[in-house]
């Protein structure tokens, strides 16, 4: 199951982040295994995913959200 499977307002525990060219950037955002992530909003028309991680709000692309295993 990946982050794109969550619905607005749901939280989940991050199990893993798949290897990608943006892996380092996701880690800098605090998207690390063992942390809780909440889907705050998903913009329409394949827009960004707005997430809450450790009381920080961030936005990532759908392609990046698919790399986050929950």
C-alpha atoms as a PDB file:
ATOM      1  CA  UNK A   1       0.000   0.000   0.000  1.00  0.00           C
ATOM      2  CA  UNK A   2       1.338   3.452  -0.875  1.00  0.00           C
ATOM      3  CA  UNK A   3       0.484   7.002   0.115  1.00  0.00           C
ATOM      4  CA  UNK A   4      -1.804   7.418  -2.917  1.00  0.00           C
ATOM      5  CA  UNK A   5      -4.145   4.825  -1.336  1.00  0.00           C
ATOM      6  CA  UNK A   6      -4.934   7.118   1.629  1.00  0.00           C
ATOM      7  CA  UNK A   7      -8.047   9.275   1.754  1.00  0.00           C
ATOM      8  CA  UNK A   8      -8.164  12.890   2.927  1.00  0.00           C
ATOM      9  CA  UNK A   9      -7.699  13.074   6.703  1.00  0.00           C
ATOM     10  CA  UNK A  10      -6.250   9.569   7.097  1.00  0.00           C
ATOM     11  CA  UNK A  11      -2.930   8.898   8.793  1.00  0.00           C
ATOM     12  CA  UNK A  12      -0.531   5.999   8.394  1.00  0.00           C
ATOM     13  CA  UNK A  13       2.878   4.824   9.527  1.00  0.00           C
ATOM     14  CA  UNK A  14       5.629   5.030   6.908  1.00  0.00           C
ATOM     15  CA  UNK A  15       7.121   1.555   6.417  1.00  0.00           C
ATOM     16  CA  UNK A  16       9.581   2.306   3.629  1.00  0.00           C
ATOM     17  CA  UNK A  17      10.486   4.799   0.924  1.00  0.00           C
ATOM     18  CA  UNK A  18      11.393   3.229  -2.398  1.00  0.00           C
ATOM     19  CA  UNK A  19      14.642   4.140  -4.076  1.00  0.00           C
ATOM     20  CA  UNK A  20      14.214   7.058  -6.467  1.00  0.00           C
ATOM     21  CA  UNK A  21      16.020  10.170  -7.647  1.00  0.00           C
ATOM     22  CA  UNK A  22      14.114  12.244  -5.042  1.00  0.00           C
ATOM     23  CA  UNK A  23      14.773   9.916  -2.099  1.00  0.00           C
ATOM     24  CA  UNK A  24      17.233  12.325  -0.483  1.00  0.00           C
ATOM     25  CA  UNK A  25      14.736  15.199  -0.788  1.00  0.00           C
ATOM     26  CA  UNK A  26      11.940  13.116   0.803  1.00  0.00           C
ATOM     27  CA  UNK A  27      14.245  12.293   3.713  1.00  0.00           C
ATOM     28  CA  UNK A  28      15.007  16.010   4.139  1.00  0.00           C
ATOM     29  CA  UNK A  29      11.253  16.645   4.406  1.00  0.00           C
ATOM     30  CA  UNK A  30      11.096  14.150   7.293  1.00  0.00           C
ATOM     31  CA  UNK A  31       9.459  11.383   5.287  1.00  0.00           C
ATOM     32  CA  UNK A  32      11.297   8.564   7.019  1.00  0.00           C
ATOM     33  CA  UNK A  33      10.342   4.995   7.933  1.00  0.00           C
ATOM     34  CA  UNK A  34       8.728   4.895  11.381  1.00  0.00           C
ATOM     35  CA  UNK A  35       7.185   8.371  11.147  1.00  0.00           C
ATOM     36  CA  UNK A  36       3.461   9.054  10.920  1.00  0.00           C
ATOM     37  CA  UNK A  37       2.150  10.828   7.831  1.00  0.00           C
ATOM     38  CA  UNK A  38      -1.284  12.388   7.282  1.00  0.00           C
ATOM     39  CA  UNK A  39      -2.897  13.208   3.956  1.00  0.00           C
ATOM     40  CA  UNK A  40      -4.274  16.718   4.453  1.00  0.00           C
ATOM     41  CA  UNK A  41      -5.465  17.380   0.901  1.00  0.00           C
ATOM     42  CA  UNK A  42      -5.103  16.007  -2.593  1.00  0.00           C
ATOM     43  CA  UNK A  43      -5.403  18.609  -5.336  1.00  0.00           C
ATOM     44  CA  UNK A  44      -7.559  17.706  -8.350  1.00  0.00           C
ATOM     45  CA  UNK A  45      -6.273  16.865 -11.832  1.00  0.00           C
ATOM     46  CA  UNK A  46      -3.162  15.017 -10.577  1.00  0.00           C
ATOM     47  CA  UNK A  47      -2.150  18.010  -8.492  1.00  0.00           C
ATOM     48  CA  UNK A  48       0.127  17.782  -5.462  1.00  0.00           C
ATOM     49  CA  UNK A  49      -0.508  15.850  -2.269  1.00  0.00           C
ATOM     50  CA  UNK A  50      -0.479  18.034   0.834  1.00  0.00           C
ATOM     51  CA  UNK A  51       0.934  16.123   3.792  1.00  0.00           C
ATOM     52  CA  UNK A  52       1.534  16.619   7.473  1.00  0.00           C
ATOM     53  CA  UNK A  53       4.701  15.001   8.793  1.00  0.00           C
ATOM     54  CA  UNK A  54       5.943  15.779  12.309  1.00  0.00           C
ATOM     55  CA  UNK A  55       3.777  18.939  12.456  1.00  0.00           C
ATOM     56  CA  UNK A  56       5.227  20.185   9.157  1.00  0.00           C
ATOM     57  CA  UNK A  57       3.059  20.725   6.089  1.00  0.00           C
ATOM     58  CA  UNK A  58       4.624  19.776   2.763  1.00  0.00           C
ATOM     59  CA  UNK A  59       3.456  19.222  -0.809  1.00  0.00           C
ATOM     60  CA  UNK A  60       4.761  16.488  -3.083  1.00  0.00           C
ATOM     61  CA  UNK A  61       3.868  15.227  -6.553  1.00  0.00           C
ATOM     62  CA  UNK A  62       1.792  12.095  -7.100  1.00  0.00           C
ATOM     63  CA  UNK A  63       4.821  10.314  -8.560  1.00  0.00           C
ATOM     64  CA  UNK A  64       6.699  10.925  -5.312  1.00  0.00           C
ATOM     65  CA  UNK A  65       3.699   9.844  -3.214  1.00  0.00           C
ATOM     66  CA  UNK A  66       3.779   6.472  -5.001  1.00  0.00           C
ATOM     67  CA  UNK A  67       7.292   5.889  -3.616  1.00  0.00           C
ATOM     68  CA  UNK A  68       6.110   6.062   0.017  1.00  0.00           C
ATOM     69  CA  UNK A  69       5.099   2.639   1.367  1.00  0.00           C
ATOM     70  CA  UNK A  70       2.657   2.707   4.290  1.00  0.00           C
END
